[in-house]
């Protein structure tokens, strides 16, 4: 699980049936201080996040598939499960 920032969306006219009727977001990983990493994921959105939002991403494969109710062999690996309002490191 990590905190990231949504920086785009993915539109695909031909895709695996697992992704049918699901919104896909490009999410860059952030350090605890909020600095972007060079890593990113394509994540399924289940919380109506948008570009610019800081989000909580579950990227643990089987756990992510359970969130959207898929079988263990589904094609989803990362899911946006929350929108982050504030981070307090103190």
PDB file of N, CA and C in Angstrom:
ATOM      1  N   UNK A   1       0.858  -1.163   0.000  1.00  0.00           N
ATOM      2  CA  UNK A   1       0.000   0.000   0.000  1.00  0.00           C
ATOM      3  C   UNK A   1       0.906   1.228   0.000  1.00  0.00           C
ATOM      4  N   UNK A   2       0.489   2.245  -0.725  1.00  0.00           N
ATOM      5  CA  UNK A   2       1.269   3.473  -0.772  1.00  0.00           C
ATOM      6  C   UNK A   2       0.374   4.676  -1.044  1.00  0.00           C
ATOM      7  N   UNK A   3       0.956   5.869  -0.815  1.00  0.00           N
ATOM      8  CA  UNK A   3       0.266   7.119  -1.135  1.00  0.00           C
ATOM      9  C   UNK A   3       0.795   7.606  -2.471  1.00  0.00           C
ATOM     10  N   UNK A   4      -0.109   8.046  -3.331  1.00  0.00           N
ATOM     11  CA  UNK A   4       0.288   8.523  -4.649  1.00  0.00           C
ATOM     12  C   UNK A   4      -0.544   9.715  -5.072  1.00  0.00           C
ATOM     13  N   UNK A   5      -0.222  10.227  -6.259  1.00  0.00           N
ATOM     14  CA  UNK A   5      -0.989  11.333  -6.834  1.00  0.00           C
ATOM     15  C   UNK A   5      -1.451  10.919  -8.225  1.00  0.00           C
ATOM     16  N   UNK A   6      -2.724  11.125  -8.496  1.00  0.00           N
ATOM     17  CA  UNK A   6      -3.275  10.802  -9.807  1.00  0.00           C
ATOM     18  C   UNK A   6      -2.786  11.853 -10.804  1.00  0.00           C
ATOM     19  N   UNK A   7      -2.152  11.383 -11.890  1.00  0.00           N
ATOM     20  CA  UNK A   7      -1.672  12.337 -12.890  1.00  0.00           C
ATOM     21  C   UNK A   7      -2.256  12.089 -14.274  1.00  0.00           C
ATOM     22  N   UNK A   8      -3.182  11.176 -14.394  1.00  0.00           N
ATOM     23  CA  UNK A   8      -3.819  10.958 -15.685  1.00  0.00           C
ATOM     24  C   UNK A   8      -4.801   9.803 -15.636  1.00  0.00           C
ATOM     25  N   UNK A   9      -5.485   9.623 -16.750  1.00  0.00           N
ATOM     26  CA  UNK A   9      -6.418   8.509 -16.895  1.00  0.00           C
ATOM     27  C   UNK A   9      -5.994   7.651 -18.072  1.00  0.00           C
ATOM     28  N   UNK A  10      -6.495   6.432 -18.093  1.00  0.00           N
ATOM     29  CA  UNK A  10      -6.209   5.513 -19.187  1.00  0.00           C
ATOM     30  C   UNK A  10      -7.518   5.177 -19.877  1.00  0.00           C
ATOM     31  N   UNK A  11      -7.547   5.336 -21.193  1.00  0.00           N
ATOM     32  CA  UNK A  11      -8.717   4.983 -21.990  1.00  0.00           C
ATOM     33  C   UNK A  11      -8.296   3.895 -22.965  1.00  0.00           C
ATOM     34  N   UNK A  12      -9.018   2.788 -22.945  1.00  0.00           N
ATOM     35  CA  UNK A  12      -8.709   1.673 -23.845  1.00  0.00           C
ATOM     36  C   UNK A  12     -10.008   1.128 -24.420  1.00  0.00           C
ATOM     37  N   UNK A  13     -10.097   1.090 -25.729  1.00  0.00           N
ATOM     38  CA  UNK A  13     -11.317   0.574 -26.351  1.00  0.00           C
ATOM     39  C   UNK A  13     -11.319  -0.951 -26.377  1.00  0.00           C
ATOM     40  N   UNK A  14     -10.139  -1.546 -26.407  1.00  0.00           N
ATOM     41  CA  UNK A  14     -10.023  -3.003 -26.360  1.00  0.00           C
ATOM     42  C   UNK A  14      -9.212  -3.340 -25.119  1.00  0.00           C
ATOM     43  N   UNK A  15      -9.815  -4.104 -24.206  1.00  0.00           N
ATOM     44  CA  UNK A  15      -9.138  -4.433 -22.951  1.00  0.00           C
ATOM     45  C   UNK A  15      -9.676  -5.746 -22.404  1.00  0.00           C
ATOM     46  N   UNK A  16      -8.979  -6.286 -21.433  1.00  0.00           N
ATOM     47  CA  UNK A  16      -9.403  -7.515 -20.771  1.00  0.00           C
ATOM     48  C   UNK A  16     -10.770  -7.284 -20.135  1.00  0.00           C
ATOM     49  N   UNK A  17     -11.607  -8.291 -20.142  1.00  0.00           N
ATOM     50  CA  UNK A  17     -12.978  -8.156 -19.623  1.00  0.00           C
ATOM     51  C   UNK A  17     -13.014  -7.747 -18.148  1.00  0.00           C
ATOM     52  N   UNK A  18     -11.965  -8.019 -17.401  1.00  0.00           N
ATOM     53  CA  UNK A  18     -11.891  -7.616 -15.997  1.00  0.00           C
ATOM     54  C   UNK A  18     -12.017  -6.106 -15.847  1.00  0.00           C
ATOM     55  N   UNK A  19     -11.527  -5.353 -16.843  1.00  0.00           N
ATOM     56  CA  UNK A  19     -11.529  -3.894 -16.760  1.00  0.00           C
ATOM     57  C   UNK A  19     -12.777  -3.245 -17.357  1.00  0.00           C
ATOM     58  N   UNK A  20     -13.715  -4.035 -17.837  1.00  0.00           N
ATOM     59  CA  UNK A  20     -14.941  -3.476 -18.423  1.00  0.00           C
ATOM     60  C   UNK A  20     -15.686  -2.644 -17.382  1.00  0.00           C
ATOM     61  N   UNK A  21     -16.111  -1.458 -17.780  1.00  0.00           N
ATOM     62  CA  UNK A  21     -16.871  -0.536 -16.924  1.00  0.00           C
ATOM     63  C   UNK A  21     -16.110  -0.099 -15.671  1.00  0.00           C
ATOM     64  N   UNK A  22     -14.789  -0.086 -15.747  1.00  0.00           N
ATOM     65  CA  UNK A  22     -13.975   0.369 -14.619  1.00  0.00           C
ATOM     66  C   UNK A  22     -13.110   1.540 -15.054  1.00  0.00           C
ATOM     67  N   UNK A  23     -13.000   2.558 -14.199  1.00  0.00           N
ATOM     68  CA  UNK A  23     -12.169   3.727 -14.464  1.00  0.00           C
ATOM     69  C   UNK A  23     -10.724   3.391 -14.096  1.00  0.00           C
ATOM     70  N   UNK A  24      -9.795   3.669 -15.019  1.00  0.00           N
ATOM     71  CA  UNK A  24      -8.380   3.398 -14.800  1.00  0.00           C
ATOM     72  C   UNK A  24      -7.616   4.708 -14.657  1.00  0.00           C
ATOM     73  N   UNK A  25      -6.771   4.793 -13.638  1.00  0.00           N
ATOM     74  CA  UNK A  25      -6.014   6.007 -13.348  1.00  0.00           C
ATOM     75  C   UNK A  25      -4.512   5.733 -13.377  1.00  0.00           C
ATOM     76  N   UNK A  26      -3.736   6.722 -13.825  1.00  0.00           N
ATOM     77  CA  UNK A  26      -2.279   6.681 -13.706  1.00  0.00           C
ATOM     78  C   UNK A  26      -1.931   7.331 -12.375  1.00  0.00           C
ATOM     79  N   UNK A  27      -1.221   6.605 -11.518  1.00  0.00           N
ATOM     80  CA  UNK A  27      -0.898   7.094 -10.181  1.00  0.00           C
ATOM     81  C   UNK A  27       0.609   7.020  -9.971  1.00  0.00           C
ATOM     82  N   UNK A  28       1.229   8.186  -9.657  1.00  0.00           N
ATOM     83  CA  UNK A  28       2.657   8.200  -9.334  1.00  0.00           C
ATOM     84  C   UNK A  28       2.815   8.045  -7.832  1.00  0.00           C
ATOM     85  N   UNK A  29       3.829   7.272  -7.435  1.00  0.00           N
ATOM     86  CA  UNK A  29       4.093   7.070  -6.017  1.00  0.00           C
ATOM     87  C   UNK A  29       4.698   8.330  -5.422  1.00  0.00           C
ATOM     88  N   UNK A  30       4.361   8.585  -4.151  1.00  0.00           N
ATOM     89  CA  UNK A  30       4.909   9.731  -3.434  1.00  0.00           C
ATOM     90  C   UNK A  30       5.670   9.259  -2.203  1.00  0.00           C
ATOM     91  N   UNK A  31       6.743   9.985  -1.858  1.00  0.00           N
ATOM     92  CA  UNK A  31       7.463   9.720  -0.613  1.00  0.00           C
ATOM     93  C   UNK A  31       6.602  10.243   0.539  1.00  0.00           C
ATOM     94  N   UNK A  32       6.937   9.887   1.785  1.00  0.00           N
ATOM     95  CA  UNK A  32       6.161  10.428   2.914  1.00  0.00           C
ATOM     96  C   UNK A  32       6.156  11.959   2.957  1.00  0.00           C
ATOM     97  N   UNK A  33       7.189  12.578   2.387  1.00  0.00           N
ATOM     98  CA  UNK A  33       7.255  14.040   2.346  1.00  0.00           C
ATOM     99  C   UNK A  33       6.476  14.622   1.172  1.00  0.00           C
ATOM    100  N   UNK A  34       5.929  13.779   0.315  1.00  0.00           N
ATOM    101  CA  UNK A  34       5.127  14.239  -0.809  1.00  0.00           C
ATOM    102  C   UNK A  34       5.881  14.409  -2.117  1.00  0.00           C
ATOM    103  N   UNK A  35       7.135  13.974  -2.159  1.00  0.00           N
ATOM    104  CA  UNK A  35       7.929  14.088  -3.385  1.00  0.00           C
ATOM    105  C   UNK A  35       7.629  12.915  -4.316  1.00  0.00           C
ATOM    106  N   UNK A  36       7.443  13.179  -5.609  1.00  0.00           N
ATOM    107  CA  UNK A  36       7.127  12.098  -6.543  1.00  0.00           C
ATOM    108  C   UNK A  36       8.313  11.165  -6.761  1.00  0.00           C
ATOM    109  N   UNK A  37       8.000   9.908  -6.943  1.00  0.00           N
ATOM    110  CA  UNK A  37       8.959   8.862  -7.267  1.00  0.00           C
ATOM    111  C   UNK A  37       8.891   8.665  -8.776  1.00  0.00           C
ATOM    112  N   UNK A  38       9.790   7.899  -9.333  1.00  0.00           N
ATOM    113  CA  UNK A  38       9.736   7.630 -10.770  1.00  0.00           C
ATOM    114  C   UNK A  38       8.840   6.442 -11.086  1.00  0.00           C
ATOM    115  N   UNK A  39       8.291   5.803 -10.063  1.00  0.00           N
ATOM    116  CA  UNK A  39       7.428   4.642 -10.270  1.00  0.00           C
ATOM    117  C   UNK A  39       5.965   5.084 -10.352  1.00  0.00           C
ATOM    118  N   UNK A  40       5.201   4.345 -11.143  1.00  0.00           N
ATOM    119  CA  UNK A  40       3.768   4.624 -11.249  1.00  0.00           C
ATOM    120  C   UNK A  40       3.017   3.327 -11.500  1.00  0.00           C
ATOM    121  N   UNK A  41       1.714   3.368 -11.301  1.00  0.00           N
ATOM    122  CA  UNK A  41       0.834   2.224 -11.552  1.00  0.00           C
ATOM    123  C   UNK A  41      -0.381   2.679 -12.334  1.00  0.00           C
ATOM    124  N   UNK A  42      -0.957   1.746 -13.054  1.00  0.00           N
ATOM    125  CA  UNK A  42      -2.300   1.920 -13.596  1.00  0.00           C
ATOM    126  C   UNK A  42      -3.207   1.226 -12.590  1.00  0.00           C
ATOM    127  N   UNK A  43      -4.087   1.997 -11.956  1.00  0.00           N
ATOM    128  CA  UNK A  43      -4.909   1.471 -10.872  1.00  0.00           C
ATOM    129  C   UNK A  43      -6.390   1.643 -11.178  1.00  0.00           C
ATOM    130  N   UNK A  44      -7.178   0.674 -10.749  1.00  0.00           N
ATOM    131  CA  UNK A  44      -8.634   0.753 -10.866  1.00  0.00           C
ATOM    132  C   UNK A  44      -9.140   1.694  -9.780  1.00  0.00           C
ATOM    133  N   UNK A  45     -10.035   2.600 -10.135  1.00  0.00           N
ATOM    134  CA  UNK A  45     -10.579   3.581  -9.196  1.00  0.00           C
ATOM    135  C   UNK A  45     -11.914   3.089  -8.646  1.00  0.00           C
ATOM    136  N   UNK A  46     -12.005   2.978  -7.308  1.00  0.00           N
ATOM    137  CA  UNK A  46     -13.285   2.605  -6.692  1.00  0.00           C
ATOM    138  C   UNK A  46     -13.812   3.707  -5.775  1.00  0.00           C
ATOM    139  N   UNK A  47     -13.126   4.884  -5.768  1.00  0.00           N
ATOM    140  CA  UNK A  47     -13.525   5.975  -4.862  1.00  0.00           C
ATOM    141  C   UNK A  47     -13.796   7.287  -5.588  1.00  0.00           C
ATOM    142  N   UNK A  48     -13.889   7.271  -6.906  1.00  0.00           N
ATOM    143  CA  UNK A  48     -14.169   8.463  -7.710  1.00  0.00           C
ATOM    144  C   UNK A  48     -13.081   9.536  -7.565  1.00  0.00           C
ATOM    145  N   UNK A  49     -11.816   9.124  -7.584  1.00  0.00           N
ATOM    146  CA  UNK A  49     -10.693  10.059  -7.535  1.00  0.00           C
ATOM    147  C   UNK A  49     -10.530  10.723  -8.895  1.00  0.00           C
ATOM    148  N   UNK A  50      -9.816  11.840  -8.911  1.00  0.00           N
ATOM    149  CA  UNK A  50      -9.582  12.556 -10.156  1.00  0.00           C
ATOM    150  C   UNK A  50      -8.141  13.017 -10.260  1.00  0.00           C
ATOM    151  N   UNK A  51      -7.789  13.562 -11.408  1.00  0.00           N
ATOM    152  CA  UNK A  51      -6.440  14.047 -11.645  1.00  0.00           C
ATOM    153  C   UNK A  51      -6.089  15.109 -10.602  1.00  0.00           C
ATOM    154  N   UNK A  52      -4.914  14.972  -9.990  1.00  0.00           N
ATOM    155  CA  UNK A  52      -4.454  15.894  -8.966  1.00  0.00           C
ATOM    156  C   UNK A  52      -4.715  15.429  -7.548  1.00  0.00           C
ATOM    157  N   UNK A  53      -5.595  14.453  -7.354  1.00  0.00           N
ATOM    158  CA  UNK A  53      -5.901  13.957  -6.010  1.00  0.00           C
ATOM    159  C   UNK A  53      -4.754  13.124  -5.454  1.00  0.00           C
ATOM    160  N   UNK A  54      -4.495  13.285  -4.145  1.00  0.00           N
ATOM    161  CA  UNK A  54      -3.609  12.367  -3.434  1.00  0.00           C
ATOM    162  C   UNK A  54      -4.467  11.190  -3.016  1.00  0.00           C
ATOM    163  N   UNK A  55      -3.969   9.982  -3.261  1.00  0.00           N
ATOM    164  CA  UNK A  55      -4.785   8.795  -3.048  1.00  0.00           C
ATOM    165  C   UNK A  55      -4.007   7.709  -2.323  1.00  0.00           C
ATOM    166  N   UNK A  56      -4.742   6.780  -1.732  1.00  0.00           N
ATOM    167  CA  UNK A  56      -4.188   5.595  -1.111  1.00  0.00           C
ATOM    168  C   UNK A  56      -4.401   4.442  -2.085  1.00  0.00           C
ATOM    169  N   UNK A  57      -3.306   3.764  -2.436  1.00  0.00           N
ATOM    170  CA  UNK A  57      -3.362   2.702  -3.433  1.00  0.00           C
ATOM    171  C   UNK A  57      -3.010   1.368  -2.792  1.00  0.00           C
ATOM    172  N   UNK A  58      -3.860   0.385  -2.983  1.00  0.00           N
ATOM    173  CA  UNK A  58      -3.595  -0.982  -2.559  1.00  0.00           C
ATOM    174  C   UNK A  58      -3.033  -1.701  -3.777  1.00  0.00           C
ATOM    175  N   UNK A  59      -1.760  -2.109  -3.699  1.00  0.00           N
ATOM    176  CA  UNK A  59      -1.113  -2.725  -4.861  1.00  0.00           C
ATOM    177  C   UNK A  59      -0.590  -4.118  -4.548  1.00  0.00           C
ATOM    178  N   UNK A  60      -1.384  -4.896  -3.846  1.00  0.00           N
ATOM    179  CA  UNK A  60      -0.946  -6.207  -3.396  1.00  0.00           C
ATOM    180  C   UNK A  60      -1.653  -7.345  -4.123  1.00  0.00           C
ATOM    181  N   UNK A  61      -2.037  -7.143  -5.359  1.00  0.00           N
ATOM    182  CA  UNK A  61      -2.582  -8.228  -6.171  1.00  0.00           C
ATOM    183  C   UNK A  61      -3.847  -8.846  -5.629  1.00  0.00           C
ATOM    184  N   UNK A  62      -3.719  -9.925  -4.855  1.00  0.00           N
ATOM    185  CA  UNK A  62      -4.884 -10.649  -4.373  1.00  0.00           C
ATOM    186  C   UNK A  62      -5.776  -9.763  -3.517  1.00  0.00           C
ATOM    187  N   UNK A  63      -5.196  -8.954  -2.639  1.00  0.00           N
ATOM    188  CA  UNK A  63      -6.004  -8.042  -1.814  1.00  0.00           C
ATOM    189  C   UNK A  63      -6.748  -7.040  -2.691  1.00  0.00           C
ATOM    190  N   UNK A  64      -6.075  -6.525  -3.718  1.00  0.00           N
ATOM    191  CA  UNK A  64      -6.708  -5.575  -4.635  1.00  0.00           C
ATOM    192  C   UNK A  64      -7.872  -6.234  -5.373  1.00  0.00           C
ATOM    193  N   UNK A  65      -7.699  -7.464  -5.797  1.00  0.00           N
ATOM    194  CA  UNK A  65      -8.780  -8.175  -6.491  1.00  0.00           C
ATOM    195  C   UNK A  65      -9.967  -8.413  -5.567  1.00  0.00           C
ATOM    196  N   UNK A  66      -9.708  -8.672  -4.288  1.00  0.00           N
ATOM    197  CA  UNK A  66     -10.789  -8.883  -3.329  1.00  0.00           C
ATOM    198  C   UNK A  66     -11.616  -7.602  -3.143  1.00  0.00           C
ATOM    199  N   UNK A  67     -10.963  -6.443  -3.196  1.00  0.00           N
ATOM    200  CA  UNK A  67     -11.679  -5.167  -3.042  1.00  0.00           C
ATOM    201  C   UNK A  67     -12.743  -5.010  -4.122  1.00  0.00           C
ATOM    202  N   UNK A  68     -12.431  -5.416  -5.349  1.00  0.00           N
ATOM    203  CA  UNK A  68     -13.395  -5.266  -6.446  1.00  0.00           C
ATOM    204  C   UNK A  68     -14.202  -6.529  -6.684  1.00  0.00           C
ATOM    205  N   UNK A  69     -14.004  -7.555  -5.852  1.00  0.00           N
ATOM    206  CA  UNK A  69     -14.819  -8.761  -5.926  1.00  0.00           C
ATOM    207  C   UNK A  69     -14.472  -9.710  -7.058  1.00  0.00           C
ATOM    208  N   UNK A  70     -13.183  -9.836  -7.361  1.00  0.00           N
ATOM    209  CA  UNK A  70     -12.756 -10.736  -8.434  1.00  0.00           C
ATOM    210  C   UNK A  70     -12.203 -12.044  -7.887  1.00  0.00           C
ATOM    211  N   UNK A  71     -12.162 -13.027  -8.755  1.00  0.00           N
ATOM    212  CA  UNK A  71     -11.528 -14.304  -8.442  1.00  0.00           C
ATOM    213  C   UNK A  71     -10.026 -14.092  -8.301  1.00  0.00           C
ATOM    214  N   UNK A  72      -9.316 -14.994  -7.620  1.00  0.00           N
ATOM    215  CA  UNK A  72      -7.872 -14.835  -7.415  1.00  0.00           C
ATOM    216  C   UNK A  72      -7.043 -14.741  -8.695  1.00  0.00           C
ATOM    217  N   UNK A  73      -7.577 -15.189  -9.809  1.00  0.00           N
ATOM    218  CA  UNK A  73      -6.791 -15.140 -11.058  1.00  0.00           C
ATOM    219  C   UNK A  73      -7.203 -13.952 -11.947  1.00  0.00           C
ATOM    220  N   UNK A  74      -7.889 -12.962 -11.376  1.00  0.00           N
ATOM    221  CA  UNK A  74      -8.277 -11.775 -12.139  1.00  0.00           C
ATOM    222  C   UNK A  74      -7.065 -10.946 -12.532  1.00  0.00           C
ATOM    223  N   UNK A  75      -7.264 -10.007 -13.440  1.00  0.00           N
ATOM    224  CA  UNK A  75      -6.149  -9.241 -14.008  1.00  0.00           C
ATOM    225  C   UNK A  75      -5.823  -7.951 -13.246  1.00  0.00           C
ATOM    226  N   UNK A  76      -6.530  -7.629 -12.188  1.00  0.00           N
ATOM    227  CA  UNK A  76      -6.295  -6.375 -11.469  1.00  0.00           C
ATOM    228  C   UNK A  76      -5.216  -6.563 -10.409  1.00  0.00           C
ATOM    229  N   UNK A  77      -4.259  -5.607 -10.373  1.00  0.00           N
ATOM    230  CA  UNK A  77      -3.178  -5.647  -9.390  1.00  0.00           C
ATOM    231  C   UNK A  77      -3.190  -4.458  -8.437  1.00  0.00           C
ATOM    232  N   UNK A  78      -3.684  -3.296  -8.868  1.00  0.00           N
ATOM    233  CA  UNK A  78      -3.665  -2.087  -8.043  1.00  0.00           C
ATOM    234  C   UNK A  78      -5.040  -1.420  -8.063  1.00  0.00           C
ATOM    235  N   UNK A  79      -5.482  -0.945  -6.879  1.00  0.00           N
ATOM    236  CA  UNK A  79      -6.787  -0.315  -6.744  1.00  0.00           C
ATOM    237  C   UNK A  79      -6.644   0.944  -5.887  1.00  0.00           C
ATOM    238  N   UNK A  80      -7.231   2.054  -6.343  1.00  0.00           N
ATOM    239  CA  UNK A  80      -7.299   3.266  -5.531  1.00  0.00           C
ATOM    240  C   UNK A  80      -8.426   3.053  -4.530  1.00  0.00           C
ATOM    241  N   UNK A  81      -8.072   3.011  -3.217  1.00  0.00           N
ATOM    242  CA  UNK A  81      -9.054   2.685  -2.184  1.00  0.00           C
ATOM    243  C   UNK A  81      -9.390   3.872  -1.289  1.00  0.00           C
ATOM    244  N   UNK A  82      -8.744   5.013  -1.475  1.00  0.00           N
ATOM    245  CA  UNK A  82      -9.059   6.165  -0.638  1.00  0.00           C
ATOM    246  C   UNK A  82      -8.471   7.453  -1.195  1.00  0.00           C
ATOM    247  N   UNK A  83      -9.093   8.573  -0.834  1.00  0.00           N
ATOM    248  CA  UNK A  83      -8.567   9.898  -1.188  1.00  0.00           C
ATOM    249  C   UNK A  83      -7.993  10.490   0.103  1.00  0.00           C
ATOM    250  N   UNK A  84      -6.717  10.920   0.054  1.00  0.00           N
ATOM    251  CA  UNK A  84      -6.017  11.430   1.226  1.00  0.00           C
ATOM    252  C   UNK A  84      -6.289  12.916   1.378  1.00  0.00           C
ATOM    253  N   UNK A  85      -6.808  13.303   2.532  1.00  0.00           N
ATOM    254  CA  UNK A  85      -7.069  14.719   2.806  1.00  0.00           C
ATOM    255  C   UNK A  85      -5.843  15.401   3.404  1.00  0.00           C
ATOM    256  N   UNK A  86      -5.142  14.703   4.290  1.00  0.00           N
ATOM    257  CA  UNK A  86      -4.028  15.324   5.010  1.00  0.00           C
ATOM    258  C   UNK A  86      -3.057  14.250   5.467  1.00  0.00           C
ATOM    259  N   UNK A  87      -1.773  14.610   5.532  1.00  0.00           N
ATOM    260  CA  UNK A  87      -0.736  13.726   6.070  1.00  0.00           C
ATOM    261  C   UNK A  87      -0.032  14.476   7.187  1.00  0.00           C
ATOM    262  N   UNK A  88       0.069  13.866   8.364  1.00  0.00           N
ATOM    263  CA  UNK A  88       0.738  14.482   9.504  1.00  0.00           C
ATOM    264  C   UNK A  88       1.900  13.589   9.907  1.00  0.00           C
ATOM    265  N   UNK A  89       3.137  14.061   9.717  1.00  0.00           N
ATOM    266  CA  UNK A  89       4.332  13.285  10.026  1.00  0.00           C
ATOM    267  C   UNK A  89       4.895  13.588  11.417  1.00  0.00           C
ATOM    268  N   UNK A  90       4.223  14.423  12.192  1.00  0.00           N
ATOM    269  CA  UNK A  90       4.775  14.777  13.504  1.00  0.00           C
ATOM    270  C   UNK A  90       4.528  13.713  14.552  1.00  0.00           C
TER     271      UNK A  90
END
